[in-house]
Protein backbone atom coordinates (compact mmCIF):
# COMPACT_ATOMS: atom_id res chain seq x y z
CA MET A 1 -42.93 51.81 -65.73
CA ASN A 2 -43.88 48.68 -67.03
CA ARG A 3 -40.83 45.77 -68.11
CA THR A 4 -42.21 47.10 -71.75
CA MET A 5 -41.63 50.41 -71.77
CA MET A 6 -37.95 49.83 -69.78
CA LYS A 7 -36.97 47.04 -72.71
CA LYS A 8 -37.95 49.68 -75.04
CA MET A 9 -35.78 53.07 -73.37
CA ALA A 10 -33.10 50.27 -73.10
CA ALA A 11 -33.00 49.74 -76.90
CA VAL A 12 -33.10 53.10 -77.64
CA VAL A 13 -29.84 54.31 -75.59
CA PHE A 14 -28.29 51.10 -76.29
CA ALA A 15 -28.86 52.42 -80.38
CA ALA A 16 -27.41 55.29 -79.66
CA GLY A 17 -25.10 54.34 -77.82
CA LEU A 18 -23.78 52.63 -80.67
CA ALA A 19 -24.45 55.65 -83.10
CA ILE A 20 -22.32 57.22 -81.68
CA GLY A 21 -19.36 54.82 -80.69
CA ALA A 22 -19.21 53.99 -85.10
CA GLY A 23 -19.02 58.09 -85.81
CA GLY A 24 -15.88 59.04 -82.92
CA THR A 25 -13.52 60.57 -85.46
CA ALA A 26 -13.16 64.34 -85.27
CA SER A 27 -14.91 64.40 -88.26
CA ALA A 28 -18.35 62.44 -87.17
CA GLN A 29 -21.75 63.67 -88.48
CA VAL A 30 -25.09 63.06 -86.74
CA GLY A 31 -27.98 64.03 -89.26
CA GLY A 32 -25.44 65.07 -92.21
CA GLN A 33 -23.80 67.83 -89.38
CA TYR A 34 -20.47 67.89 -88.93
CA CYS A 35 -19.78 68.78 -85.44
CA ASN A 36 -18.23 72.28 -85.49
CA PRO A 37 -18.31 74.39 -83.79
CA ASN A 38 -18.09 73.87 -80.19
CA GLY A 39 -21.85 73.94 -77.99
CA ALA A 40 -23.67 73.35 -81.54
CA THR A 41 -26.25 71.56 -81.13
CA THR A 42 -28.67 69.23 -82.90
CA THR A 43 -31.73 67.16 -82.47
CA ILE A 44 -32.87 64.32 -85.11
CA VAL A 45 -36.24 62.47 -85.46
CA GLN A 46 -36.52 59.04 -85.95
CA GLY A 47 -39.72 56.98 -85.78
CA SER A 48 -40.83 57.90 -82.39
CA TRP A 49 -38.04 59.78 -80.54
CA ARG A 50 -36.91 63.07 -81.10
CA TYR A 51 -32.45 62.88 -80.29
CA TYR A 52 -30.54 65.27 -78.60
CA TYR A 53 -26.60 66.06 -79.78
CA THR A 54 -24.77 68.07 -78.83
CA CYS A 55 -20.66 69.34 -79.82
CA SER A 56 -18.02 68.19 -77.50
CA SER A 57 -13.76 68.45 -78.11
CA HIS A 58 -15.09 68.02 -82.26
CA LYS A 59 -17.64 64.68 -81.33
CA TRP A 60 -21.09 64.65 -81.87
CA VAL A 61 -22.42 63.65 -77.43
CA PHE A 62 -25.97 62.25 -77.00
CA VAL A 63 -27.50 63.92 -74.54
CA LYS A 64 -31.60 62.31 -74.53
CA ALA A 65 -34.14 61.30 -76.26
CA CYS A 66 -37.63 61.97 -75.94
CA PRO A 67 -41.32 60.61 -77.10
CA ILE A 68 -42.34 63.00 -79.56
CA GLY A 69 -45.93 62.39 -77.89
CA GLY A 70 -44.48 63.72 -74.99
CA GLY A 71 -44.02 60.99 -72.14
CA ARG A 72 -40.41 60.37 -69.99
CA CYS A 73 -37.23 61.25 -71.98
CA VAL A 74 -34.20 59.23 -71.86
CA PHE A 75 -30.48 60.66 -70.54
């Protein structure tokens, strides 16, 4: 894997972490959806990536990000 791709993946993971950290309250929303009930899942498409989240303890938890056109997912 080349350095440019690794930097892009690191940026995606960092941005996802910021998004999760910013919404750490029980009423946190991802894509306008409240986290209820536990075990619920949601997917957000942003740019050329698809982000997957699951609801755990009433908070959205990042699962993975995958490029829409195929390729390796970032966990």
